[in-house]
Protein backbone atom coordinates (compact mmCIF):
# COMPACT_ATOMS: atom_id res chain seq x y z
CA MET A 1 -6.31 9.45 -29.37
CA SER A 2 -2.27 10.79 -26.82
CA CYS A 3 -4.20 11.53 -26.53
CA THR A 4 -4.53 9.32 -23.53
CA LEU A 5 -1.26 9.57 -22.01
CA ALA A 6 -1.30 8.97 -18.37
CA ASP A 7 2.24 8.37 -17.05
CA VAL A 8 4.15 10.97 -19.02
CA SER A 9 5.72 12.88 -16.19
CA ARG A 10 7.14 9.66 -14.77
CA THR A 11 8.40 8.52 -18.16
CA LEU A 12 9.99 11.87 -18.96
CA ALA A 13 11.64 11.99 -15.55
CA GLU A 14 13.28 8.62 -16.19
CA GLU A 15 14.81 9.70 -19.53
CA PRO A 16 18.11 11.56 -19.98
CA ALA A 17 17.64 15.32 -20.26
CA ASP A 18 18.59 15.54 -23.94
CA ALA A 19 16.27 12.62 -24.72
CA GLN A 20 13.46 14.56 -23.08
CA ARG A 21 14.19 17.59 -25.24
CA THR A 22 14.30 15.69 -28.54
CA CYS A 23 11.32 13.49 -27.74
CA THR A 24 8.37 13.97 -30.09
CA ARG A 25 5.72 12.89 -27.62
CA THR A 26 2.91 14.41 -25.66
CA GLY A 27 3.43 11.51 -23.33
CA ALA A 28 2.72 8.15 -24.87
CA MET A 29 3.05 4.95 -22.88
CA THR A 30 5.38 3.52 -25.55
CA PRO A 31 9.07 4.41 -25.01
CA PRO A 32 10.31 6.88 -27.62
CA SER A 33 12.86 4.50 -29.09
CA ALA A 34 10.21 1.85 -29.75
CA ALA A 35 7.79 4.38 -31.23
CA ARG A 36 10.41 5.73 -33.61
CA ALA A 37 11.25 2.22 -34.73
CA THR A 38 7.64 1.47 -35.64
CA ALA A 39 6.92 4.78 -37.35
CA THR A 40 6.95 4.96 -41.12
CA PRO A 41 10.12 6.42 -42.68
CA PRO A 42 10.17 10.21 -42.49
CA ALA A 43 8.38 11.83 -45.42
CA THR A 44 9.86 14.91 -47.05
CA ASP A 45 6.87 17.00 -46.02
CA LEU A 46 7.02 16.23 -42.30
CA LEU A 47 7.23 19.32 -40.13
CA PRO A 48 10.05 19.76 -37.57
CA GLY A 49 9.45 17.28 -34.76
CA GLU A 50 6.61 15.51 -36.56
CA LEU A 51 6.37 11.72 -36.60
CA GLY A 52 5.40 9.65 -39.62
CA ARG A 53 2.29 7.50 -39.33
CA PRO A 54 3.03 4.12 -37.70
CA GLU A 55 1.87 0.78 -39.03
CA VAL A 56 -1.80 0.31 -38.16
CA PRO A 57 -3.81 -2.87 -38.87
CA VAL A 58 -6.02 -2.70 -41.93
CA ALA A 59 -9.60 -1.87 -41.01
CA LYS A 60 -11.89 -4.83 -40.52
CA ALA A 61 -14.12 -5.79 -43.44
CA GLY A 62 -17.22 -7.92 -43.93
CA ARG A 63 -18.81 -9.44 -40.83
CA ALA A 64 -15.97 -8.19 -38.59
CA ALA A 65 -16.67 -4.62 -39.71
CA GLU A 66 -20.37 -5.12 -38.98
CA ILE A 67 -19.51 -6.30 -35.47
CA VAL A 68 -17.35 -3.25 -34.81
CA GLY A 69 -20.08 -1.00 -36.20
CA ALA A 70 -22.71 -2.59 -33.99
CA ALA A 71 -20.45 -2.26 -30.97
CA ARG A 72 -19.87 1.43 -31.71
CA LYS A 73 -23.62 1.99 -32.01
CA ILE A 74 -24.26 0.34 -28.64
CA LEU A 75 -21.38 2.19 -26.99
CA GLU A 76 -22.61 5.55 -28.22
CA ALA A 77 -26.28 4.96 -27.46
CA GLU A 78 -26.17 2.95 -24.23
CA GLY A 79 -22.70 3.36 -22.71
CA ALA A 80 -19.78 1.07 -21.97
CA ASP A 81 -21.66 -1.11 -19.45
CA ALA A 82 -24.12 -2.17 -22.16
CA LEU A 83 -21.38 -3.39 -24.48
CA THR A 84 -21.38 -7.19 -24.17
CA MET A 85 -20.93 -9.99 -26.67
CA ARG A 86 -24.56 -10.99 -26.26
CA ARG A 87 -25.78 -7.41 -26.80
CA VAL A 88 -23.67 -7.06 -29.95
CA ALA A 89 -25.02 -10.35 -31.27
CA ASP A 90 -28.60 -9.23 -30.57
CA GLU A 91 -27.94 -5.97 -32.43
CA LEU A 92 -26.82 -7.97 -35.47
CA GLY A 93 -29.54 -10.61 -35.15
CA ILE A 94 -27.07 -13.48 -34.81
CA GLN A 95 -26.06 -15.95 -32.10
CA ALA A 96 -23.35 -14.80 -29.71
CA PRO A 97 -21.00 -17.74 -30.52
CA SER A 98 -20.81 -16.47 -34.11
CA LEU A 99 -18.93 -13.40 -32.86
CA TYR A 100 -16.02 -15.51 -31.67
CA LYS A 101 -15.15 -16.44 -35.24
CA HIS A 102 -13.99 -12.83 -35.63
CA PHE A 103 -13.20 -11.57 -32.13
CA ALA A 104 -11.91 -13.62 -29.22
CA SER A 105 -13.54 -11.44 -26.57
CA LYS A 106 -15.32 -8.18 -25.83
CA LYS A 107 -11.90 -6.72 -25.09
CA ALA A 108 -10.82 -7.48 -28.66
CA ILE A 109 -13.81 -5.54 -29.99
CA GLU A 110 -12.98 -2.63 -27.68
CA VAL A 111 -9.40 -2.65 -28.95
CA ALA A 112 -10.64 -2.49 -32.55
CA LEU A 113 -12.85 0.48 -31.64
CA VAL A 114 -10.02 2.31 -29.90
CA ILE A 115 -7.47 1.67 -32.66
CA ASP A 116 -9.91 3.11 -35.18
CA GLY A 117 -10.68 6.07 -32.90
CA ILE A 118 -7.05 6.93 -32.20
CA ALA A 119 -6.10 6.56 -35.87
CA LYS A 120 -8.86 8.99 -36.88
CA LEU A 121 -7.83 11.40 -34.13
CA GLY A 122 -4.23 11.24 -35.33
CA GLU A 123 -5.28 11.94 -38.89
CA ALA A 124 -7.29 14.94 -37.69
CA THR A 125 -4.53 16.35 -35.47
CA HIS A 126 -1.80 15.97 -38.09
CA SER A 127 -4.05 17.47 -40.78
CA ALA A 128 -4.73 20.42 -38.47
CA LEU A 129 -1.04 21.33 -38.58
CA ARG A 130 -1.41 22.11 -42.29
CA GLY A 131 -5.04 23.17 -42.41
CA PRO A 132 -6.19 26.27 -44.25
CA GLY A 133 -7.35 29.44 -42.57
CA PRO A 134 -5.83 32.40 -40.77
CA SER A 135 -5.63 30.74 -37.34
CA SER A 136 -2.40 29.32 -35.98
CA PRO A 137 -1.51 25.59 -36.11
CA LEU A 138 -1.98 25.39 -32.33
CA THR A 139 -5.48 26.85 -32.54
CA ARG A 140 -6.38 24.58 -35.47
CA LEU A 141 -5.10 21.61 -33.46
CA LEU A 142 -7.35 22.41 -30.51
CA VAL A 143 -10.37 22.99 -32.76
CA ALA A 144 -9.85 19.67 -34.58
CA TYR A 145 -9.26 17.70 -31.38
CA ARG A 146 -12.32 19.12 -29.65
CA ALA A 147 -14.61 18.63 -32.64
CA LEU A 148 -13.66 15.01 -33.22
CA CYS A 149 -13.81 14.04 -29.55
CA LEU A 150 -17.23 15.62 -29.03
CA VAL A 151 -18.77 13.67 -31.90
CA ASN A 152 -17.02 10.43 -30.89
CA ALA A 153 -17.47 10.85 -27.17
CA ALA A 154 -18.07 7.21 -26.25
CA VAL A 155 -14.99 5.91 -28.05
CA TYR A 156 -12.93 8.80 -26.66
CA ARG A 157 -13.96 7.92 -23.12
CA LEU A 158 -13.14 4.26 -23.74
CA ALA A 159 -9.73 5.15 -25.17
CA THR A 160 -8.78 7.45 -22.30
CA GLN A 161 -9.98 5.43 -19.31
CA SER A 162 -7.19 4.15 -17.08
CA SER A 163 -8.36 0.54 -17.18
CA PHE A 164 -7.98 0.19 -20.95
CA ALA A 165 -5.28 -2.32 -21.98
CA ARG A 166 -2.88 0.05 -23.76
CA ASP A 167 -0.39 -2.74 -24.43
CA LEU A 168 -2.81 -4.16 -27.01
CA LEU A 169 -2.55 -1.06 -29.22
CA PRO A 170 -0.15 -0.95 -32.18
CA ALA A 171 3.27 0.33 -31.13
CA GLY A 172 3.63 4.06 -31.65
CA LEU A 173 -0.02 4.76 -32.45
CA GLU A 174 -0.81 6.87 -29.38
CA GLU A 175 2.46 8.76 -29.61
CA TRP A 176 1.85 9.58 -33.28
CA ALA A 177 -1.72 10.75 -32.60
CA GLY A 178 -0.54 13.06 -29.82
CA ASN A 179 2.67 14.14 -31.54
CA PRO A 180 1.16 17.36 -33.01
CA PHE A 181 1.00 18.75 -29.46
CA PHE A 182 4.79 18.57 -29.44
CA VAL A 183 5.05 19.99 -32.96
CA VAL A 184 3.14 23.16 -32.05
CA THR A 185 5.01 23.72 -28.76
CA GLY A 186 8.49 22.33 -29.41
CA ASP A 187 8.79 21.19 -25.81
CA PRO A 188 7.69 17.86 -24.25
CA GLU A 189 6.54 19.30 -20.92
CA LEU A 190 4.65 22.14 -22.59
CA ALA A 191 3.12 19.63 -25.00
CA GLN A 192 1.98 17.53 -22.06
CA ALA A 193 0.46 20.60 -20.41
CA LEU A 194 -1.32 21.57 -23.63
CA TRP A 195 -2.75 18.07 -24.06
CA SER A 196 -3.85 18.04 -20.42
CA PHE A 197 -5.67 21.36 -20.91
CA THR A 198 -7.30 20.08 -24.11
CA HIS A 199 -8.34 16.73 -22.66
CA GLY A 200 -9.65 18.35 -19.50
CA MET A 201 -11.70 20.90 -21.44
CA VAL A 202 -13.19 18.14 -23.60
CA VAL A 203 -14.12 15.90 -20.67
CA LEU A 204 -15.64 18.78 -18.67
CA GLU A 205 -17.70 19.74 -21.70
CA LEU A 206 -18.82 16.15 -22.26
CA ASP A 207 -19.81 15.88 -18.60
CA GLY A 208 -21.74 19.16 -18.67
CA ARG A 209 -19.66 20.54 -15.81
CA TYR A 210 -19.36 24.13 -17.01
CA PRO A 211 -21.83 26.60 -15.47
CA ALA A 212 -24.72 27.76 -17.62
CA GLY A 213 -23.76 30.73 -19.72
CA SER A 214 -20.06 29.81 -19.89
CA ASN A 215 -18.41 31.12 -23.06
CA LEU A 216 -16.44 28.02 -23.97
CA GLU A 217 -15.24 29.48 -27.26
CA ALA A 218 -13.62 32.31 -25.33
CA THR A 219 -12.12 29.84 -22.86
CA TRP A 220 -10.59 27.82 -25.68
CA ARG A 221 -9.21 30.99 -27.26
CA ALA A 222 -7.72 32.08 -23.94
CA GLY A 223 -6.04 28.72 -23.52
CA ALA A 224 -4.67 28.76 -27.05
CA SER A 225 -3.28 32.27 -26.56
CA ALA A 226 -1.65 31.34 -23.26
CA PHE A 227 0.07 28.29 -24.73
CA GLU A 228 1.19 30.19 -27.83
CA ARG A 229 2.85 32.77 -25.58
CA ALA A 230 4.47 30.03 -23.54
CA ALA A 231 5.78 28.31 -26.67
CA ALA A 232 7.14 31.58 -28.04
CA ASN A 233 8.96 32.33 -24.78
CA ARG A 234 10.40 28.90 -24.04
């Protein structure tokens, strides 16, 4: 929510060296030049390396919002395989053809869910950079990312699966959502490594893969400390 950023190493390798160093990505699929063009003009309170929020479609209202809400409920309760146009219509008590007045396909509903999920994740990660408390921005970033992903697990999984049609997302949205990982590290490769650690920790926790008795809070703290040292020594 770049949170989802699969081909970063390839993309970075294809860019000129100074472009890699000035890039404000964790590894979005959108080329940096395109993402910068679609971002809002820099605000005076942006931190060094921080991107402005890109244009995002206005949230659905009325019946369309009800459809997205029903789809989210099904996704969270029953999983991605249960999310069909017929199942959404049943949840709303309407005929399936009525859905097509608002969404052309199930994929269009999934895109609406993911756009909303990534936008919320971006708001959380950018807010974490300025959040109150004694902890560092990097630690606040990890706490915010983990918390939001754990409570929105189904949408997070949908957004980060390799088969999702990323080209249907608004230009620059993923890069903006993941941009705080660059802000707290100041280095694109280190930002990618930090996001990979964060994403991996979240998915392992969601899958229940840690042994019983694991102190995940301590593991998160250890990771944060290691990346803060790496950022300070780069």
